[in-house]
Amino acid sequence: MALASGIVAIALARRRAQMAMGLSGAIAAVGAVTLLALAVGVKWGVRGIGDPSKGSTVLVRQASRITFDVTVGDLRSQCWLLIVVGALIAVIVTAVTRRNSRQPDLNLQGE
């Protein structure tokens, strides 16, 4: 749904290159913010588990860290994918925009 919304937004925009750059920046930003939130959340979540005065705390923390790493691993991969795709789209749009701006206007109808 989000992909379809982005395609429709670019198709309806008057300045498609600017819209594509904005959306690609947003895609990369969402990936980076989510990756950061995952890192902070797992660190705080594991640190907050267990009572340090009891001996089982280390074991519980190790088990929870392993569980978090397995569950959050796919989310991390998806975040990196969003960052790379957003950056790649920005590079492609920039290259296409620069190439099109260098080409002379061949519309000679008014002359």
PDB file of N, CA and C in Angstrom:
ATOM      1  N   MET A   1       0.818  -1.185   0.000  1.00  0.00           N
ATOM      2  CA  MET A   1       0.000   0.000   0.000  1.00  0.00           C
ATOM      3  C   MET A   1       0.873   1.264   0.000  1.00  0.00           C
ATOM      4  N   ALA A   2       1.935   1.234   0.798  1.00  0.00           N
ATOM      5  CA  ALA A   2       2.815   2.398   0.848  1.00  0.00           C
ATOM      6  C   ALA A   2       3.531   2.601  -0.487  1.00  0.00           C
ATOM      7  N   LEU A   3       3.939   1.508  -1.116  1.00  0.00           N
ATOM      8  CA  LEU A   3       4.594   1.600  -2.418  1.00  0.00           C
ATOM      9  C   LEU A   3       3.647   2.177  -3.461  1.00  0.00           C
ATOM     10  N   ALA A   4       2.409   1.709  -3.464  1.00  0.00           N
ATOM     11  CA  ALA A   4       1.417   2.228  -4.407  1.00  0.00           C
ATOM     12  C   ALA A   4       1.148   3.711  -4.148  1.00  0.00           C
ATOM     13  N   SER A   5       1.080   4.105  -2.903  1.00  0.00           N
ATOM     14  CA  SER A   5       0.872   5.517  -2.568  1.00  0.00           C
ATOM     15  C   SER A   5       2.029   6.375  -3.059  1.00  0.00           C
ATOM     16  N   GLY A   6       3.255   5.878  -2.908  1.00  0.00           N
ATOM     17  CA  GLY A   6       4.416   6.616  -3.392  1.00  0.00           C
ATOM     18  C   GLY A   6       4.424   6.759  -4.901  1.00  0.00           C
ATOM     19  N   ILE A   7       4.053   5.703  -5.603  1.00  0.00           N
ATOM     20  CA  ILE A   7       4.002   5.752  -7.067  1.00  0.00           C
ATOM     21  C   ILE A   7       2.943   6.738  -7.529  1.00  0.00           C
ATOM     22  N   VAL A   8       1.784   6.720  -6.895  1.00  0.00           N
ATOM     23  CA  VAL A   8       0.706   7.659  -7.252  1.00  0.00           C
ATOM     24  C   VAL A   8       1.136   9.086  -6.950  1.00  0.00           C
ATOM     25  N   ALA A   9       1.806   9.305  -5.812  1.00  0.00           N
ATOM     26  CA  ALA A   9       2.262  10.654  -5.466  1.00  0.00           C
ATOM     27  C   ALA A   9       3.252  11.178  -6.500  1.00  0.00           C
ATOM     28  N   ILE A  10       4.158  10.338  -6.952  1.00  0.00           N
ATOM     29  CA  ILE A  10       5.131  10.764  -7.963  1.00  0.00           C
ATOM     30  C   ILE A  10       4.429  11.019  -9.297  1.00  0.00           C
ATOM     31  N   ALA A  11       3.492  10.156  -9.655  1.00  0.00           N
ATOM     32  CA  ALA A  11       2.786  10.306 -10.928  1.00  0.00           C
ATOM     33  C   ALA A  11       1.948  11.591 -10.963  1.00  0.00           C
ATOM     34  N   LEU A  12       1.385  11.976  -9.835  1.00  0.00           N
ATOM     35  CA  LEU A  12       0.518  13.158  -9.801  1.00  0.00           C
ATOM     36  C   LEU A  12       1.275  14.464  -9.520  1.00  0.00           C
ATOM     37  N   ALA A  13       2.506  14.366  -9.117  1.00  0.00           N
ATOM     38  CA  ALA A  13       3.269  15.560  -8.765  1.00  0.00           C
ATOM     39  C   ALA A  13       3.657  16.355 -10.004  1.00  0.00           C
ATOM     40  N   ARG A  14       3.671  17.666  -9.860  1.00  0.00           N
ATOM     41  CA  ARG A  14       4.117  18.521 -10.963  1.00  0.00           C
ATOM     42  C   ARG A  14       5.626  18.419 -11.134  1.00  0.00           C
ATOM     43  N   ARG A  15       6.331  18.360 -10.038  1.00  0.00           N
ATOM     44  CA  ARG A  15       7.789  18.222 -10.069  1.00  0.00           C
ATOM     45  C   ARG A  15       8.124  16.829  -9.577  1.00  0.00           C
ATOM     46  N   ARG A  16       8.119  15.901 -10.485  1.00  0.00           N
ATOM     47  CA  ARG A  16       8.295  14.485 -10.129  1.00  0.00           C
ATOM     48  C   ARG A  16       9.656  14.192  -9.520  1.00  0.00           C
ATOM     49  N   ALA A  17      10.683  14.838 -10.026  1.00  0.00           N
ATOM     50  CA  ALA A  17      12.034  14.588  -9.505  1.00  0.00           C
ATOM     51  C   ALA A  17      12.138  15.018  -8.046  1.00  0.00           C
ATOM     52  N   GLN A  18      11.574  16.171  -7.722  1.00  0.00           N
ATOM     53  CA  GLN A  18      11.606  16.624  -6.334  1.00  0.00           C
ATOM     54  C   GLN A  18      10.795  15.705  -5.433  1.00  0.00           C
ATOM     55  N   MET A  19       9.655  15.252  -5.917  1.00  0.00           N
ATOM     56  CA  MET A  19       8.830  14.339  -5.130  1.00  0.00           C
ATOM     57  C   MET A  19       9.565  13.018  -4.917  1.00  0.00           C
ATOM     58  N   ALA A  20      10.205  12.511  -5.963  1.00  0.00           N
ATOM     59  CA  ALA A  20      10.952  11.260  -5.840  1.00  0.00           C
ATOM     60  C   ALA A  20      12.120  11.416  -4.872  1.00  0.00           C
ATOM     61  N   MET A  21      12.807  12.553  -4.917  1.00  0.00           N
ATOM     62  CA  MET A  21      13.906  12.793  -3.983  1.00  0.00           C
ATOM     63  C   MET A  21      13.390  12.865  -2.550  1.00  0.00           C
ATOM     64  N   GLY A  22      12.275  13.539  -2.359  1.00  0.00           N
ATOM     65  CA  GLY A  22      11.695  13.631  -1.018  1.00  0.00           C
ATOM     66  C   GLY A  22      11.273  12.277  -0.482  1.00  0.00           C
ATOM     67  N   LEU A  23      10.633  11.486  -1.325  1.00  0.00           N
ATOM     68  CA  LEU A  23      10.205  10.152  -0.894  1.00  0.00           C
ATOM     69  C   LEU A  23      11.392   9.232  -0.644  1.00  0.00           C
ATOM     70  N   SER A  24      12.425   9.325  -1.477  1.00  0.00           N
ATOM     71  CA  SER A  24      13.593   8.469  -1.253  1.00  0.00           C
ATOM     72  C   SER A  24      14.311   8.853   0.039  1.00  0.00           C
ATOM     73  N   GLY A  25      14.361  10.141   0.316  1.00  0.00           N
ATOM     74  CA  GLY A  25      14.938  10.593   1.588  1.00  0.00           C
ATOM     75  C   GLY A  25      14.124  10.107   2.775  1.00  0.00           C
ATOM     76  N   ALA A  26      12.803  10.135   2.622  1.00  0.00           N
ATOM     77  CA  ALA A  26      11.933   9.650   3.693  1.00  0.00           C
ATOM     78  C   ALA A  26      12.100   8.148   3.898  1.00  0.00           C
ATOM     79  N   ILE A  27      12.247   7.402   2.824  1.00  0.00           N
ATOM     80  CA  ILE A  27      12.448   5.952   2.927  1.00  0.00           C
ATOM     81  C   ILE A  27      13.735   5.658   3.702  1.00  0.00           C
ATOM     82  N   ALA A  28      14.809   6.331   3.329  1.00  0.00           N
ATOM     83  CA  ALA A  28      16.088   6.105   4.008  1.00  0.00           C
ATOM     84  C   ALA A  28      16.015   6.547   5.474  1.00  0.00           C
ATOM     85  N   ALA A  29      15.336   7.665   5.734  1.00  0.00           N
ATOM     86  CA  ALA A  29      15.214   8.158   7.108  1.00  0.00           C
ATOM     87  C   ALA A  29      14.411   7.197   7.978  1.00  0.00           C
ATOM     88  N   VAL A  30      13.338   6.655   7.439  1.00  0.00           N
ATOM     89  CA  VAL A  30      12.534   5.691   8.195  1.00  0.00           C
ATOM     90  C   VAL A  30      13.360   4.459   8.529  1.00  0.00           C
ATOM     91  N   GLY A  31      14.138   3.985   7.574  1.00  0.00           N
ATOM     92  CA  GLY A  31      15.001   2.836   7.834  1.00  0.00           C
ATOM     93  C   GLY A  31      16.029   3.136   8.917  1.00  0.00           C
ATOM     94  N   ALA A  32      16.639   4.322   8.858  1.00  0.00           N
ATOM     95  CA  ALA A  32      17.664   4.682   9.841  1.00  0.00           C
ATOM     96  C   ALA A  32      17.066   4.864  11.237  1.00  0.00           C
ATOM     97  N   VAL A  33      15.939   5.539  11.323  1.00  0.00           N
ATOM     98  CA  VAL A  33      15.299   5.773  12.623  1.00  0.00           C
ATOM     99  C   VAL A  33      14.831   4.455  13.231  1.00  0.00           C
ATOM    100  N   THR A  34      14.263   3.571  12.406  1.00  0.00           N
ATOM    101  CA  THR A  34      13.817   2.278  12.910  1.00  0.00           C
ATOM    102  C   THR A  34      15.005   1.440  13.365  1.00  0.00           C
ATOM    103  N   LEU A  35      16.099   1.470  12.626  1.00  0.00           N
ATOM    104  CA  LEU A  35      17.300   0.740  13.015  1.00  0.00           C
ATOM    105  C   LEU A  35      17.833   1.250  14.356  1.00  0.00           C
ATOM    106  N   LEU A  36      17.851   2.560  14.519  1.00  0.00           N
ATOM    107  CA  LEU A  36      18.294   3.157  15.776  1.00  0.00           C
ATOM    108  C   LEU A  36      17.361   2.770  16.924  1.00  0.00           C
ATOM    109  N   ALA A  37      16.059   2.818  16.677  1.00  0.00           N
ATOM    110  CA  ALA A  37      15.087   2.448  17.709  1.00  0.00           C
ATOM    111  C   ALA A  37      15.232   0.983  18.106  1.00  0.00           C
ATOM    112  N   LEU A  38      15.496   0.127  17.151  1.00  0.00           N
ATOM    113  CA  LEU A  38      15.707  -1.288  17.463  1.00  0.00           C
ATOM    114  C   LEU A  38      16.952  -1.475  18.331  1.00  0.00           C
ATOM    115  N   ALA A  39      18.019  -0.792  17.983  1.00  0.00           N
ATOM    116  CA  ALA A  39      19.257  -0.924  18.754  1.00  0.00           C
ATOM    117  C   ALA A  39      19.066  -0.446  20.189  1.00  0.00           C
ATOM    118  N   VAL A  40      18.441   0.718  20.342  1.00  0.00           N
ATOM    119  CA  VAL A  40      18.218   1.273  21.672  1.00  0.00           C
ATOM    120  C   VAL A  40      17.213   0.426  22.447  1.00  0.00           C
ATOM    121  N   GLY A  41      16.155  -0.006  21.792  1.00  0.00           N
ATOM    122  CA  GLY A  41      15.119  -0.794  22.461  1.00  0.00           C
ATOM    123  C   GLY A  41      15.625  -2.129  22.960  1.00  0.00           C
ATOM    124  N   VAL A  42      16.415  -2.811  22.164  1.00  0.00           N
ATOM    125  CA  VAL A  42      16.959  -4.098  22.580  1.00  0.00           C
ATOM    126  C   VAL A  42      17.934  -3.901  23.744  1.00  0.00           C
ATOM    127  N   LYS A  43      18.766  -2.863  23.637  1.00  0.00           N
ATOM    128  CA  LYS A  43      19.739  -2.619  24.705  1.00  0.00           C
ATOM    129  C   LYS A  43      19.032  -2.305  26.024  1.00  0.00           C
ATOM    130  N   TRP A  44      18.059  -1.395  25.971  1.00  0.00           N
ATOM    131  CA  TRP A  44      17.319  -1.043  27.187  1.00  0.00           C
ATOM    132  C   TRP A  44      16.460  -2.199  27.672  1.00  0.00           C
ATOM    133  N   GLY A  45      15.867  -2.926  26.741  1.00  0.00           N
ATOM    134  CA  GLY A  45      15.002  -4.037  27.121  1.00  0.00           C
ATOM    135  C   GLY A  45      15.753  -5.134  27.835  1.00  0.00           C
ATOM    136  N   VAL A  46      16.923  -5.481  27.318  1.00  0.00           N
ATOM    137  CA  VAL A  46      17.722  -6.538  27.939  1.00  0.00           C
ATOM    138  C   VAL A  46      18.287  -6.059  29.270  1.00  0.00           C
ATOM    139  N   ARG A  47      18.689  -4.804  29.338  1.00  0.00           N
ATOM    140  CA  ARG A  47      19.257  -4.268  30.576  1.00  0.00           C
ATOM    141  C   ARG A  47      18.206  -4.228  31.693  1.00  0.00           C
ATOM    142  N   GLY A  48      16.953  -4.006  31.333  1.00  0.00           N
ATOM    143  CA  GLY A  48      15.903  -3.885  32.338  1.00  0.00           C
ATOM    144  C   GLY A  48      15.354  -5.207  32.835  1.00  0.00           C
ATOM    145  N   ILE A  49      15.839  -6.312  32.302  1.00  0.00           N
ATOM    146  CA  ILE A  49      15.303  -7.622  32.682  1.00  0.00           C
ATOM    147  C   ILE A  49      16.060  -8.170  33.882  1.00  0.00           C
ATOM    148  N   GLY A  50      15.334  -8.673  34.812  1.00  0.00           N
ATOM    149  CA  GLY A  50      15.933  -9.381  35.939  1.00  0.00           C
ATOM    150  C   GLY A  50      16.369  -8.485  37.064  1.00  0.00           C
ATOM    151  N   ASP A  51      16.538  -9.097  38.203  1.00  0.00           N
ATOM    152  CA  ASP A  51      16.985  -8.413  39.412  1.00  0.00           C
ATOM    153  C   ASP A  51      18.459  -8.737  39.606  1.00  0.00           C
ATOM    154  N   PRO A  52      19.341  -7.714  39.614  1.00  0.00           N
ATOM    155  CA  PRO A  52      20.778  -7.977  39.737  1.00  0.00           C
ATOM    156  C   PRO A  52      21.180  -8.689  41.023  1.00  0.00           C
ATOM    157  N   SER A  53      20.342  -8.618  42.050  1.00  0.00           N
ATOM    158  CA  SER A  53      20.706  -9.265  43.312  1.00  0.00           C
ATOM    159  C   SER A  53      20.553 -10.786  43.246  1.00  0.00           C
ATOM    160  N   LYS A  54      19.852 -11.282  42.249  1.00  0.00           N
ATOM    161  CA  LYS A  54      19.664 -12.731  42.111  1.00  0.00           C
ATOM    162  C   LYS A  54      20.649 -13.276  41.080  1.00  0.00           C
ATOM    163  N   GLY A  55      21.086 -14.476  41.269  1.00  0.00           N
ATOM    164  CA  GLY A  55      22.093 -15.075  40.407  1.00  0.00           C
ATOM    165  C   GLY A  55      21.606 -15.419  39.011  1.00  0.00           C
ATOM    166  N   SER A  56      20.315 -15.555  38.826  1.00  0.00           N
ATOM    167  CA  SER A  56      19.795 -15.966  37.522  1.00  0.00           C
ATOM    168  C   SER A  56      19.724 -14.818  36.520  1.00  0.00           C
ATOM    169  N   THR A  57      20.048 -13.618  36.951  1.00  0.00           N
ATOM    170  CA  THR A  57      19.926 -12.451  36.077  1.00  0.00           C
ATOM    171  C   THR A  57      20.786 -12.587  34.826  1.00  0.00           C
ATOM    172  N   VAL A  58      22.005 -13.038  34.974  1.00  0.00           N
ATOM    173  CA  VAL A  58      22.914 -13.165  33.831  1.00  0.00           C
ATOM    174  C   VAL A  58      22.358 -14.152  32.816  1.00  0.00           C
ATOM    175  N   LEU A  59      21.861 -15.266  33.292  1.00  0.00           N
ATOM    176  CA  LEU A  59      21.295 -16.276  32.409  1.00  0.00           C
ATOM    177  C   LEU A  59      20.047 -15.756  31.698  1.00  0.00           C
ATOM    178  N   VAL A  60      19.194 -15.060  32.431  1.00  0.00           N
ATOM    179  CA  VAL A  60      17.970 -14.506  31.840  1.00  0.00           C
ATOM    180  C   VAL A  60      18.326 -13.454  30.794  1.00  0.00           C
ATOM    181  N   ARG A  61      19.310 -12.618  31.093  1.00  0.00           N
ATOM    182  CA  ARG A  61      19.727 -11.599  30.126  1.00  0.00           C
ATOM    183  C   ARG A  61      20.321 -12.225  28.873  1.00  0.00           C
ATOM    184  N   GLN A  62      21.107 -13.263  29.033  1.00  0.00           N
ATOM    185  CA  GLN A  62      21.683 -13.935  27.865  1.00  0.00           C
ATOM    186  C   GLN A  62      20.585 -14.558  27.004  1.00  0.00           C
ATOM    187  N   ALA A  63      19.625 -15.196  27.644  1.00  0.00           N
ATOM    188  CA  ALA A  63      18.521 -15.813  26.904  1.00  0.00           C
ATOM    189  C   ALA A  63      17.679 -14.758  26.196  1.00  0.00           C
ATOM    190  N   SER A  64      17.421 -13.655  26.886  1.00  0.00           N
ATOM    191  CA  SER A  64      16.612 -12.610  26.247  1.00  0.00           C
ATOM    192  C   SER A  64      17.371 -11.933  25.107  1.00  0.00           C
ATOM    193  N   ARG A  65      18.686 -11.764  25.255  1.00  0.00           N
ATOM    194  CA  ARG A  65      19.479 -11.172  24.177  1.00  0.00           C
ATOM    195  C   ARG A  65      19.449 -12.072  22.946  1.00  0.00           C
ATOM    196  N   ILE A  66      19.593 -13.377  23.141  1.00  0.00           N
ATOM    197  CA  ILE A  66      19.536 -14.317  22.011  1.00  0.00           C
ATOM    198  C   ILE A  66      18.159 -14.256  21.349  1.00  0.00           C
ATOM    199  N   THR A  67      17.117 -14.227  22.159  1.00  0.00           N
ATOM    200  CA  THR A  67      15.754 -14.152  21.618  1.00  0.00           C
ATOM    201  C   THR A  67      15.547 -12.856  20.848  1.00  0.00           C
ATOM    202  N   PHE A  68      16.005 -11.745  21.427  1.00  0.00           N
ATOM    203  CA  PHE A  68      15.866 -10.464  20.738  1.00  0.00           C
ATOM    204  C   PHE A  68      16.654 -10.453  19.432  1.00  0.00           C
ATOM    205  N   ASP A  69      17.873 -10.998  19.454  1.00  0.00           N
ATOM    206  CA  ASP A  69      18.697 -11.005  18.240  1.00  0.00           C
ATOM    207  C   ASP A  69      18.039 -11.805  17.125  1.00  0.00           C
ATOM    208  N   VAL A  70      17.428 -12.924  17.468  1.00  0.00           N
ATOM    209  CA  VAL A  70      16.757 -13.741  16.452  1.00  0.00           C
ATOM    210  C   VAL A  70      15.525 -13.031  15.920  1.00  0.00           C
ATOM    211  N   THR A  71      14.724 -12.476  16.832  1.00  0.00           N
ATOM    212  CA  THR A  71      13.471 -11.848  16.392  1.00  0.00           C
ATOM    213  C   THR A  71      13.711 -10.531  15.677  1.00  0.00           C
ATOM    214  N   VAL A  72      14.661  -9.784  16.157  1.00  0.00           N
ATOM    215  CA  VAL A  72      14.901  -8.447  15.612  1.00  0.00           C
ATOM    216  C   VAL A  72      15.827  -8.511  14.394  1.00  0.00           C
ATOM    217  N   GLY A  73      16.458  -9.638  14.172  1.00  0.00           N
ATOM    218  CA  GLY A  73      17.391  -9.762  13.050  1.00  0.00           C
ATOM    219  C   GLY A  73      16.755  -9.470  11.702  1.00  0.00           C
ATOM    220  N   ASP A  74      15.556  -9.988  11.472  1.00  0.00           N
ATOM    221  CA  ASP A  74      14.860  -9.718  10.212  1.00  0.00           C
ATOM    222  C   ASP A  74      14.487  -8.245  10.091  1.00  0.00           C
ATOM    223  N   LEU A  75      14.080  -7.649  11.192  1.00  0.00           N
ATOM    224  CA  LEU A  75      13.743  -6.218  11.155  1.00  0.00           C
ATOM    225  C   LEU A  75      14.970  -5.374  10.829  1.00  0.00           C
ATOM    226  N   ARG A  76      16.110  -5.752  11.376  1.00  0.00           N
ATOM    227  CA  ARG A  76      17.353  -5.026  11.053  1.00  0.00           C
ATOM    228  C   ARG A  76      17.675  -5.132   9.566  1.00  0.00           C
ATOM    229  N   SER A  77      17.516  -6.321   9.018  1.00  0.00           N
ATOM    230  CA  SER A  77      17.774  -6.512   7.587  1.00  0.00           C
ATOM    231  C   SER A  77      16.846  -5.646   6.745  1.00  0.00           C
ATOM    232  N   GLN A  78      15.594  -5.581   7.132  1.00  0.00           N
ATOM    233  CA  GLN A  78      14.637  -4.758   6.397  1.00  0.00           C
ATOM    234  C   GLN A  78      14.964  -3.276   6.522  1.00  0.00           C
ATOM    235  N   CYS A  79      15.445  -2.861   7.678  1.00  0.00           N
ATOM    236  CA  CYS A  79      15.844  -1.458   7.855  1.00  0.00           C
ATOM    237  C   CYS A  79      17.020  -1.112   6.946  1.00  0.00           C
ATOM    238  N   TRP A  80      18.016  -1.991   6.899  1.00  0.00           N
ATOM    239  CA  TRP A  80      19.158  -1.748   6.014  1.00  0.00           C
ATOM    240  C   TRP A  80      18.715  -1.720   4.557  1.00  0.00           C
ATOM    241  N   LEU A  81      17.763  -2.577   4.217  1.00  0.00           N
ATOM    242  CA  LEU A  81      17.234  -2.583   2.855  1.00  0.00           C
ATOM    243  C   LEU A  81      16.567  -1.249   2.532  1.00  0.00           C
ATOM    244  N   LEU A  82      15.783  -0.709   3.466  1.00  0.00           N
ATOM    245  CA  LEU A  82      15.147   0.591   3.254  1.00  0.00           C
ATOM    246  C   LEU A  82      16.184   1.694   3.075  1.00  0.00           C
ATOM    247  N   ILE A  83      17.221   1.673   3.884  1.00  0.00           N
ATOM    248  CA  ILE A  83      18.270   2.693   3.774  1.00  0.00           C
ATOM    249  C   ILE A  83      18.953   2.621   2.415  1.00  0.00           C
ATOM    250  N   VAL A  84      19.300   1.421   1.988  1.00  0.00           N
ATOM    251  CA  VAL A  84      19.998   1.249   0.711  1.00  0.00           C
ATOM    252  C   VAL A  84      19.089   1.620  -0.454  1.00  0.00           C
ATOM    253  N   VAL A  85      17.841   1.180  -0.429  1.00  0.00           N
ATOM    254  CA  VAL A  85      16.909   1.484  -1.518  1.00  0.00           C
ATOM    255  C   VAL A  85      16.650   2.987  -1.593  1.00  0.00           C
ATOM    256  N   GLY A  86      16.455   3.631  -0.451  1.00  0.00           N
ATOM    257  CA  GLY A  86      16.248   5.079  -0.450  1.00  0.00           C
ATOM    258  C   GLY A  86      17.425   5.828  -1.030  1.00  0.00           C
ATOM    259  N   ALA A  87      18.628   5.433  -0.631  1.00  0.00           N
ATOM    260  CA  ALA A  87      19.831   6.086  -1.157  1.00  0.00           C
ATOM    261  C   ALA A  87      20.004   5.801  -2.647  1.00  0.00           C
ATOM    262  N   LEU A  88      19.723   4.587  -3.058  1.00  0.00           N
ATOM    263  CA  LEU A  88      19.846   4.220  -4.469  1.00  0.00           C
ATOM    264  C   LEU A  88      18.863   4.998  -5.336  1.00  0.00           C
ATOM    265  N   ILE A  89      17.642   5.138  -4.884  1.00  0.00           N
ATOM    266  CA  ILE A  89      16.646   5.920  -5.633  1.00  0.00           C
ATOM    267  C   ILE A  89      17.098   7.374  -5.736  1.00  0.00           C
ATOM    268  N   ALA A  90      17.638   7.923  -4.650  1.00  0.00           N
ATOM    269  CA  ALA A  90      18.121   9.309  -4.687  1.00  0.00           C
ATOM    270  C   ALA A  90      19.247   9.479  -5.696  1.00  0.00           C
ATOM    271  N   VAL A  91      20.160   8.526  -5.756  1.00  0.00           N
ATOM    272  CA  VAL A  91      21.265   8.598  -6.717  1.00  0.00           C
ATOM    273  C   VAL A  91      20.736   8.503  -8.146  1.00  0.00           C
ATOM    274  N   ILE A  92      19.806   7.606  -8.393  1.00  0.00           N
ATOM    275  CA  ILE A  92      19.244   7.446  -9.737  1.00  0.00           C
ATOM    276  C   ILE A  92      18.498   8.702 -10.172  1.00  0.00           C
ATOM    277  N   VAL A  93      17.676   9.245  -9.287  1.00  0.00           N
ATOM    278  CA  VAL A  93      16.915  10.460  -9.632  1.00  0.00           C
ATOM    279  C   VAL A  93      17.868  11.618  -9.896  1.00  0.00           C
ATOM    280  N   THR A  94      18.911  11.737  -9.089  1.00  0.00           N
ATOM    281  CA  THR A  94      19.888  12.810  -9.297  1.00  0.00           C
ATOM    282  C   THR A  94      20.592  12.657 -10.643  1.00  0.00           C
ATOM    283  N   ALA A  95      20.985  11.447 -10.974  1.00  0.00           N
ATOM    284  CA  ALA A  95      21.666  11.210 -12.250  1.00  0.00           C
ATOM    285  C   ALA A  95      20.748  11.505 -13.431  1.00  0.00           C
ATOM    286  N   VAL A  96      19.508  11.065 -13.359  1.00  0.00           N
ATOM    287  CA  VAL A  96      18.566  11.304 -14.459  1.00  0.00           C
ATOM    288  C   VAL A  96      18.258  12.790 -14.587  1.00  0.00           C
ATOM    289  N   THR A  97      18.088  13.462 -13.466  1.00  0.00           N
ATOM    290  CA  THR A  97      17.787  14.896 -13.493  1.00  0.00           C
ATOM    291  C   THR A  97      18.949  15.683 -14.083  1.00  0.00           C
ATOM    292  N   ARG A  98      20.165  15.352 -13.699  1.00  0.00           N
ATOM    293  CA  ARG A  98      21.339  16.052 -14.244  1.00  0.00           C
ATOM    294  C   ARG A  98      21.499  15.798 -15.729  1.00  0.00           C
ATOM    295  N   ARG A  99      21.268  14.556 -16.140  1.00  0.00           N
ATOM    296  CA  ARG A  99      21.397  14.227 -17.560  1.00  0.00           C
ATOM    297  C   ARG A  99      20.361  14.981 -18.379  1.00  0.00           C
ATOM    298  N   ASN A 100      19.133  15.053 -17.886  1.00  0.00           N
ATOM    299  CA  ASN A 100      18.077  15.755 -18.614  1.00  0.00           C
ATOM    300  C   ASN A 100      18.288  17.259 -18.633  1.00  0.00           C
ATOM    301  N   SER A 101      18.911  17.809 -17.599  1.00  0.00           N
ATOM    302  CA  SER A 101      19.133  19.254 -17.567  1.00  0.00           C
ATOM    303  C   SER A 101      20.275  19.664 -18.489  1.00  0.00           C
ATOM    304  N   ARG A 102      21.165  18.755 -18.837  1.00  0.00           N
ATOM    305  CA  ARG A 102      22.280  19.062 -19.735  1.00  0.00           C
ATOM    306  C   ARG A 102      21.885  19.009 -21.198  1.00  0.00           C
ATOM    307  N   GLN A 103      20.825  18.276 -21.518  1.00  0.00           N
ATOM    308  CA  GLN A 103      20.418  18.144 -22.910  1.00  0.00           C
ATOM    309  C   GLN A 103      19.744  19.443 -23.372  1.00  0.00           C
ATOM    310  N   PRO A 104      20.104  19.928 -24.559  1.00  0.00           N
ATOM    311  CA  PRO A 104      19.500  21.164 -25.066  1.00  0.00           C
ATOM    312  C   PRO A 104      18.040  20.948 -25.420  1.00  0.00           C
ATOM    313  N   ASP A 105      17.272  22.012 -25.337  1.00  0.00           N
ATOM    314  CA  ASP A 105      15.859  21.958 -25.680  1.00  0.00           C
ATOM    315  C   ASP A 105      15.733  21.934 -27.195  1.00  0.00           C
ATOM    316  N   LEU A 106      15.188  20.871 -27.754  1.00  0.00           N
ATOM    317  CA  LEU A 106      15.076  20.719 -29.192  1.00  0.00           C
ATOM    318  C   LEU A 106      13.710  21.151 -29.718  1.00  0.00           C
ATOM    319  N   ASN A 107      12.943  21.789 -28.902  1.00  0.00           N
ATOM    320  CA  ASN A 107      11.614  22.250 -29.314  1.00  0.00           C
ATOM    321  C   ASN A 107      11.775  23.568 -30.057  1.00  0.00           C
ATOM    322  N   LEU A 108      11.738  23.506 -31.376  1.00  0.00           N
ATOM    323  CA  LEU A 108      11.980  24.686 -32.207  1.00  0.00           C
ATOM    324  C   LEU A 108      10.692  25.182 -32.875  1.00  0.00           C
ATOM    325  N   GLN A 109       9.558  24.843 -32.378  1.00  0.00           N
ATOM    326  CA  GLN A 109       8.291  25.194 -33.020  1.00  0.00           C
ATOM    327  C   GLN A 109       8.020  26.689 -33.026  1.00  0.00           C
ATOM    328  N   GLY A 110       8.423  27.391 -31.983  1.00  0.00           N
ATOM    329  CA  GLY A 110       8.119  28.812 -31.898  1.00  0.00           C
ATOM    330  C   GLY A 110       9.073  29.685 -32.685  1.00  0.00           C
ATOM    331  N   GLU A 111      10.125  29.151 -33.255  1.00  0.00           N
ATOM    332  CA  GLU A 111      11.125  29.981 -33.929  1.00  0.00           C
ATOM    333  C   GLU A 111      10.968  29.998 -35.397  1.00  0.00           C
TER     334      GLU A 111
END
